[in-house]
Amino acid sequence: MTSAAAFRASLEDNAAAVDAWLETVLPEALGHAAPLYAAMRYSALGGGKRVRAYLVRATADLFDVPAEQALAVGAAIELLHAYSLIHDDLPAMDDAQTRRGKPACHIAFDQATAILAGDALQALAFEVLAGPLLQIEARTSRALTWGLARASGPLGMCGGQMIDLLADGLELDLAGIRELQAKKTGALIRFSCEAGCILGDAGDAHREALLAYGDRLGLAFQIADDLLDVRGDAAAVGKDVGNDAGKATFVGLLGIEGAEAELKSLHNEASTSLDRFAERATLLRMLFGFVIDRSY
């Protein structure tokens, strides 16, 4: 059995490996474009738990995928996630002041540079998946690129963000909030599980089970985030808290106790979906526990 300490160590080791890999595609630059590179590095390096990259690694391990392939794909997803955080923090969106314990990108630089940095990180994510750095078959590269595009576009993250911006006038019920969060937060987490399946050429039954896990993890991640916004400490969380008051969230609709009950239900469902992998899915089980119990 993997201990809690061993799991934490593997999470930290993976995050360090992701940062080291990102350093290779985000070099410090001189010249007129230097501020853009600086903003990209500022937002993409040295922060976050790298949960999405860890999901790629843990699912790919189930199918004996080479570690360097899982690392590169996970890093690409983290690049896209970093872009989404930059844009999410902008005054036109959440108007957040801090991210990962430091000033948000548009505060540290300026709004125009932040927008460009987000755009460039998104482009770089697809460059990694489609380019020669990822030494995989062309059909696998196409599947990964297509999957990330769907997870991040109008059917996924961007579509969820649009619903979130309109939520005040929509009076969303629980089903509506589930749809919002499954797109805004869950789609990229779900794809992180799918990416491991694509790399490992997983069969339909295995893929279905891991996508079911990813769906529940995505919702659980957002509920845990909603709870942190209500009762978390900004210094510990590393970003603004209290910004979700009045927004369409699980906590706002269900209350704290209801949201915690929803977390428990999702945890049970996710655990059941992993039964076919037995002890090989231990890291995925522990990751779910980490996500719902985290205080930052």
Protein backbone atom coordinates (compact mmCIF):
# COMPACT_ATOMS: atom_id res chain seq x y z
CA MET A 1 0.00 0.00 0.00
CA THR A 2 1.09 3.52 -0.77
CA SER A 3 1.32 5.67 2.35
CA ALA A 4 0.03 9.23 2.54
CA ALA A 5 3.62 10.46 2.81
CA ALA A 6 4.64 8.50 -0.28
CA PHE A 7 1.68 9.89 -2.21
CA ARG A 8 2.56 13.46 -1.21
CA ALA A 9 6.16 12.85 -2.25
CA SER A 10 5.06 11.52 -5.64
CA LEU A 11 2.80 14.56 -6.12
CA GLU A 12 5.67 16.93 -5.29
CA ASP A 13 8.15 14.99 -7.44
CA ASN A 14 5.78 15.16 -10.39
CA ALA A 15 5.25 18.90 -9.92
CA ALA A 16 9.02 19.43 -9.88
CA ALA A 17 9.42 17.32 -13.02
CA VAL A 18 6.69 19.33 -14.77
CA ASP A 19 8.40 22.61 -13.88
CA ALA A 20 11.74 21.30 -15.12
CA TRP A 21 10.13 20.23 -18.39
CA LEU A 22 8.37 23.57 -18.81
CA GLU A 23 11.70 25.35 -18.35
CA THR A 24 12.81 23.71 -21.61
CA VAL A 25 9.93 25.25 -23.61
CA LEU A 26 9.79 28.55 -21.73
CA PRO A 27 13.31 29.96 -21.91
CA GLU A 28 14.17 33.41 -20.69
CA ALA A 29 14.24 35.73 -23.68
CA LEU A 30 15.94 38.97 -24.63
CA GLY A 31 14.79 41.58 -27.08
CA HIS A 32 11.45 43.24 -27.65
CA ALA A 33 9.40 40.13 -26.80
CA ALA A 34 11.11 39.65 -23.42
CA PRO A 35 8.15 40.99 -21.39
CA LEU A 36 5.88 38.40 -23.01
CA TYR A 37 8.22 35.53 -22.14
CA ALA A 38 8.60 36.90 -18.62
CA ALA A 39 4.83 36.97 -18.13
CA MET A 40 4.48 33.44 -19.52
CA ARG A 41 7.17 32.14 -17.17
CA TYR A 42 5.72 34.07 -14.24
CA SER A 43 2.34 32.37 -14.65
CA ALA A 44 3.35 28.88 -15.77
CA LEU A 45 6.37 28.08 -13.59
CA GLY A 46 6.86 27.43 -9.89
CA GLY A 47 3.32 27.14 -8.67
CA GLY A 48 0.34 24.90 -8.33
CA LYS A 49 -0.12 21.28 -7.40
CA ARG A 50 -0.03 20.12 -11.04
CA VAL A 51 -3.06 17.91 -10.43
CA ARG A 52 -3.86 17.71 -14.15
CA ALA A 53 -0.35 16.59 -15.04
CA TYR A 54 -0.45 14.09 -12.18
CA LEU A 55 -3.68 12.66 -13.58
CA VAL A 56 -2.02 12.08 -16.93
CA ARG A 57 0.86 10.31 -15.23
CA ALA A 58 -1.31 8.16 -12.95
CA THR A 59 -3.69 7.06 -15.70
CA ALA A 60 -0.89 6.48 -18.21
CA ASP A 61 0.93 4.32 -15.64
CA LEU A 62 -2.03 1.93 -15.69
CA PHE A 63 -1.13 1.14 -19.31
CA ASP A 64 2.67 1.17 -18.94
CA VAL A 65 3.14 4.35 -20.97
CA PRO A 66 6.73 5.70 -20.96
CA ALA A 67 7.06 8.31 -18.22
CA GLU A 68 8.55 10.94 -20.54
CA GLN A 69 5.46 10.84 -22.77
CA ALA A 70 3.06 11.28 -19.86
CA LEU A 71 5.20 14.11 -18.50
CA ALA A 72 5.19 16.03 -21.79
CA VAL A 73 1.43 15.68 -22.26
CA GLY A 74 0.81 16.65 -18.64
CA ALA A 75 3.02 19.71 -19.09
CA ALA A 76 1.05 20.74 -22.18
CA ILE A 77 -2.18 20.58 -20.22
CA GLU A 78 -0.60 22.66 -17.45
CA LEU A 79 0.35 25.29 -20.04
CA LEU A 80 -3.24 25.53 -21.14
CA HIS A 81 -4.42 25.62 -17.53
CA ALA A 82 -2.02 28.48 -16.81
CA TYR A 83 -3.49 30.44 -19.72
CA SER A 84 -6.98 29.92 -18.34
CA LEU A 85 -5.97 31.23 -14.91
CA ILE A 86 -4.44 34.38 -16.39
CA HIS A 87 -7.62 35.18 -18.29
CA ASP A 88 -9.88 34.15 -15.40
CA ASP A 89 -8.16 36.69 -13.15
CA LEU A 90 -8.59 39.63 -15.55
CA PRO A 91 -10.82 42.56 -14.54
CA ALA A 92 -13.32 41.57 -17.25
CA MET A 93 -13.68 38.13 -15.63
CA ASP A 94 -13.11 37.59 -11.88
CA ASP A 95 -10.98 40.69 -11.31
CA ALA A 96 -8.70 38.75 -8.96
CA GLN A 97 -5.64 40.33 -7.38
CA THR A 98 -3.63 37.25 -6.40
CA ARG A 99 -2.91 33.81 -7.80
CA ARG A 100 -0.70 31.09 -6.33
CA GLY A 101 0.37 33.35 -3.50
CA LYS A 102 1.60 36.24 -5.65
CA PRO A 103 0.07 39.10 -7.65
CA ALA A 104 -2.05 37.99 -10.59
CA CYS A 105 -0.36 38.29 -13.98
CA HIS A 106 -2.22 41.44 -14.99
CA ILE A 107 -1.17 43.06 -11.71
CA ALA A 108 2.48 42.02 -11.95
CA PHE A 109 2.68 43.15 -15.58
CA ASP A 110 -0.34 44.81 -17.23
CA GLN A 111 -3.61 43.69 -18.80
CA ALA A 112 -2.38 43.69 -22.39
CA THR A 113 0.71 41.65 -21.56
CA ALA A 114 -1.39 39.24 -19.48
CA ILE A 115 -3.80 38.67 -22.35
CA LEU A 116 -0.93 38.01 -24.75
CA ALA A 117 0.78 35.71 -22.25
CA GLY A 118 -2.41 33.67 -21.94
CA ASP A 119 -2.80 33.50 -25.71
CA ALA A 120 0.82 32.43 -26.13
CA LEU A 121 0.61 29.73 -23.44
CA GLN A 122 -2.47 28.28 -25.10
CA ALA A 123 -0.70 28.20 -28.48
CA LEU A 124 2.36 26.60 -26.88
CA ALA A 125 0.24 23.84 -25.35
CA PHE A 126 -0.97 22.77 -28.79
CA GLU A 127 2.53 23.17 -30.24
CA VAL A 128 3.78 20.62 -27.70
CA LEU A 129 1.05 18.11 -28.53
CA ALA A 130 1.39 18.48 -32.30
CA GLY A 131 5.16 19.00 -32.56
CA PRO A 132 8.28 16.85 -32.54
CA LEU A 133 8.94 17.19 -28.79
CA LEU A 134 6.25 14.60 -28.15
CA GLN A 135 7.65 11.49 -29.78
CA ILE A 136 4.45 9.54 -30.46
CA GLU A 137 2.54 8.29 -33.47
CA ALA A 138 0.73 10.88 -35.58
CA ARG A 139 -2.70 9.40 -34.81
CA THR A 140 -2.05 9.66 -31.08
CA SER A 141 -0.90 13.26 -31.45
CA ARG A 142 -4.07 14.08 -33.42
CA ALA A 143 -6.27 12.46 -30.79
CA LEU A 144 -4.59 14.40 -27.98
CA THR A 145 -4.77 17.70 -29.87
CA TRP A 146 -8.43 17.19 -30.76
CA GLY A 147 -9.29 16.17 -27.21
CA LEU A 148 -7.60 19.18 -25.63
CA ALA A 149 -9.28 21.53 -28.11
CA ARG A 150 -12.72 20.17 -27.22
CA ALA A 151 -11.99 20.27 -23.49
CA SER A 152 -10.85 23.88 -23.62
CA GLY A 153 -13.22 25.34 -26.23
CA PRO A 154 -16.96 26.19 -26.35
CA LEU A 155 -17.93 22.62 -25.44
CA GLY A 156 -15.65 22.71 -22.41
CA MET A 157 -13.78 25.31 -20.38
CA CYS A 158 -14.64 28.43 -22.42
CA GLY A 159 -18.28 27.41 -22.67
CA GLY A 160 -18.39 26.93 -18.91
CA GLN A 161 -16.84 30.33 -18.34
CA MET A 162 -19.51 31.91 -20.55
CA ILE A 163 -22.26 30.24 -18.52
CA ASP A 164 -20.55 31.49 -15.36
CA LEU A 165 -20.55 35.07 -16.65
CA LEU A 166 -24.27 34.79 -17.43
CA ALA A 167 -25.19 32.82 -14.31
CA ASP A 168 -26.66 35.73 -12.35
CA GLY A 169 -29.49 36.04 -14.87
CA LEU A 170 -30.02 32.32 -15.40
CA GLU A 171 -31.02 31.24 -11.86
CA LEU A 172 -29.29 27.88 -12.29
CA ASP A 173 -30.58 24.83 -10.46
CA LEU A 174 -28.34 21.93 -9.38
CA ALA A 175 -28.33 20.42 -12.87
CA GLY A 176 -27.35 23.79 -14.33
CA ILE A 177 -24.51 24.26 -11.84
CA ARG A 178 -23.29 20.73 -12.58
CA GLU A 179 -23.20 21.58 -16.29
CA LEU A 180 -21.39 24.86 -15.65
CA GLN A 181 -18.72 23.30 -13.48
CA ALA A 182 -18.37 20.15 -15.58
CA LYS A 183 -17.37 22.44 -18.43
CA LYS A 184 -15.50 25.25 -16.69
CA THR A 185 -13.39 23.11 -14.34
CA GLY A 186 -14.23 19.49 -15.05
CA ALA A 187 -13.57 19.28 -18.78
CA LEU A 188 -9.81 19.78 -18.47
CA ILE A 189 -9.60 17.39 -15.52
CA ARG A 190 -11.61 14.80 -17.44
CA PHE A 191 -9.34 15.20 -20.45
CA SER A 192 -6.28 14.71 -18.24
CA CYS A 193 -7.61 11.23 -17.49
CA GLU A 194 -8.52 10.69 -21.13
CA ALA A 195 -5.01 11.71 -22.22
CA GLY A 196 -3.51 8.82 -20.24
CA CYS A 197 -5.97 6.49 -21.96
CA ILE A 198 -5.07 7.87 -25.39
CA LEU A 199 -1.35 7.44 -24.73
CA GLY A 200 -1.95 3.90 -23.51
CA ASP A 201 -4.38 2.94 -26.27
CA ALA A 202 -6.83 1.86 -23.57
CA GLY A 203 -9.82 -0.32 -24.35
CA ASP A 204 -13.35 1.02 -24.16
CA ALA A 205 -14.17 -0.44 -20.74
CA HIS A 206 -11.02 0.95 -19.13
CA ARG A 207 -11.51 4.33 -20.79
CA GLU A 208 -15.13 4.53 -19.68
CA ALA A 209 -14.17 3.77 -16.08
CA LEU A 210 -11.42 6.40 -16.01
CA LEU A 211 -13.60 9.04 -17.62
CA ALA A 212 -16.27 8.34 -15.01
CA TYR A 213 -13.61 8.89 -12.35
CA GLY A 214 -12.48 12.08 -14.08
CA ASP A 215 -16.03 13.43 -14.27
CA ARG A 216 -16.51 12.98 -10.53
CA LEU A 217 -13.08 14.36 -9.72
CA GLY A 218 -13.77 17.47 -11.78
CA LEU A 219 -16.98 18.21 -9.90
CA ALA A 220 -15.37 17.38 -6.56
CA PHE A 221 -12.44 19.70 -7.33
CA GLN A 222 -14.83 22.59 -7.92
CA ILE A 223 -16.92 21.88 -4.82
CA ALA A 224 -13.75 21.77 -2.72
CA ASP A 225 -12.72 25.07 -4.33
CA ASP A 226 -16.13 26.57 -3.52
CA LEU A 227 -15.74 25.48 0.11
CA LEU A 228 -12.27 27.03 0.26
CA ASP A 229 -13.73 30.29 -1.05
CA VAL A 230 -16.17 30.30 1.86
CA ARG A 231 -13.96 29.18 4.72
CA GLY A 232 -10.37 29.21 3.44
CA ASP A 233 -7.58 31.58 4.43
CA ALA A 234 -6.31 33.68 1.51
CA ALA A 235 -2.68 33.34 2.62
CA ALA A 236 -2.95 29.55 2.73
CA VAL A 237 -5.07 29.21 -0.41
CA GLY A 238 -2.76 31.51 -2.37
CA LYS A 239 -5.52 33.45 -4.12
CA ASP A 240 -8.44 35.74 -3.33
CA VAL A 241 -11.26 34.18 -1.29
CA GLY A 242 -14.83 35.36 -0.86
CA ASN A 243 -15.19 36.18 -4.53
CA ASP A 244 -17.93 33.58 -5.10
CA ALA A 245 -20.56 35.27 -2.93
CA GLY A 246 -23.75 35.47 -4.95
CA LYS A 247 -22.37 33.28 -7.75
CA ALA A 248 -23.82 30.01 -9.02
CA THR A 249 -21.90 27.50 -6.90
CA PHE A 250 -22.62 24.20 -5.18
CA VAL A 251 -22.14 25.84 -1.79
CA GLY A 252 -24.45 28.70 -2.70
CA LEU A 253 -27.22 26.30 -3.69
CA LEU A 254 -26.70 23.42 -1.26
CA GLY A 255 -25.03 25.12 1.70
CA ILE A 256 -21.84 23.86 3.32
CA GLU A 257 -23.34 20.64 4.68
CA GLY A 258 -25.05 19.86 1.38
CA ALA A 259 -21.85 20.50 -0.55
CA GLU A 260 -19.90 18.22 1.79
CA ALA A 261 -22.53 15.49 1.30
CA GLU A 262 -22.17 15.89 -2.46
CA LEU A 263 -18.41 15.48 -2.10
CA LYS A 264 -18.88 12.24 -0.18
CA SER A 265 -21.23 10.90 -2.84
CA LEU A 266 -18.84 11.77 -5.65
CA HIS A 267 -15.97 10.16 -3.75
CA ASN A 268 -17.89 6.90 -3.42
CA GLU A 269 -18.85 6.90 -7.09
CA ALA A 270 -15.29 7.63 -8.20
CA SER A 271 -13.93 4.85 -6.00
CA THR A 272 -16.37 2.36 -7.50
CA SER A 273 -15.35 3.31 -11.03
CA LEU A 274 -11.74 2.38 -10.20
CA ASP A 275 -12.54 -1.08 -8.85
CA ARG A 276 -11.56 -2.81 -12.08
CA PHE A 277 -7.97 -1.57 -11.62
CA ALA A 278 -7.68 -2.86 -8.03
CA GLU A 279 -4.49 -1.73 -6.25
CA ARG A 280 -3.00 -0.30 -9.45
CA ALA A 281 -5.35 2.66 -9.04
CA THR A 282 -4.16 3.47 -5.51
CA LEU A 283 -2.61 6.78 -6.56
CA LEU A 284 -5.82 7.86 -8.26
CA ARG A 285 -7.81 7.00 -5.15
CA MET A 286 -5.42 8.97 -2.97
CA LEU A 287 -5.49 11.91 -5.36
CA PHE A 288 -9.26 12.14 -4.99
CA GLY A 289 -8.90 12.22 -1.22
CA PHE A 290 -6.23 14.90 -1.48
CA VAL A 291 -8.42 17.07 -3.72
CA ILE A 292 -11.45 17.01 -1.43
CA ASP A 293 -9.51 17.39 1.82
CA ARG A 294 -7.08 20.08 0.72
CA SER A 295 -6.84 23.38 2.57
CA TYR A 296 -5.04 25.25 -0.25
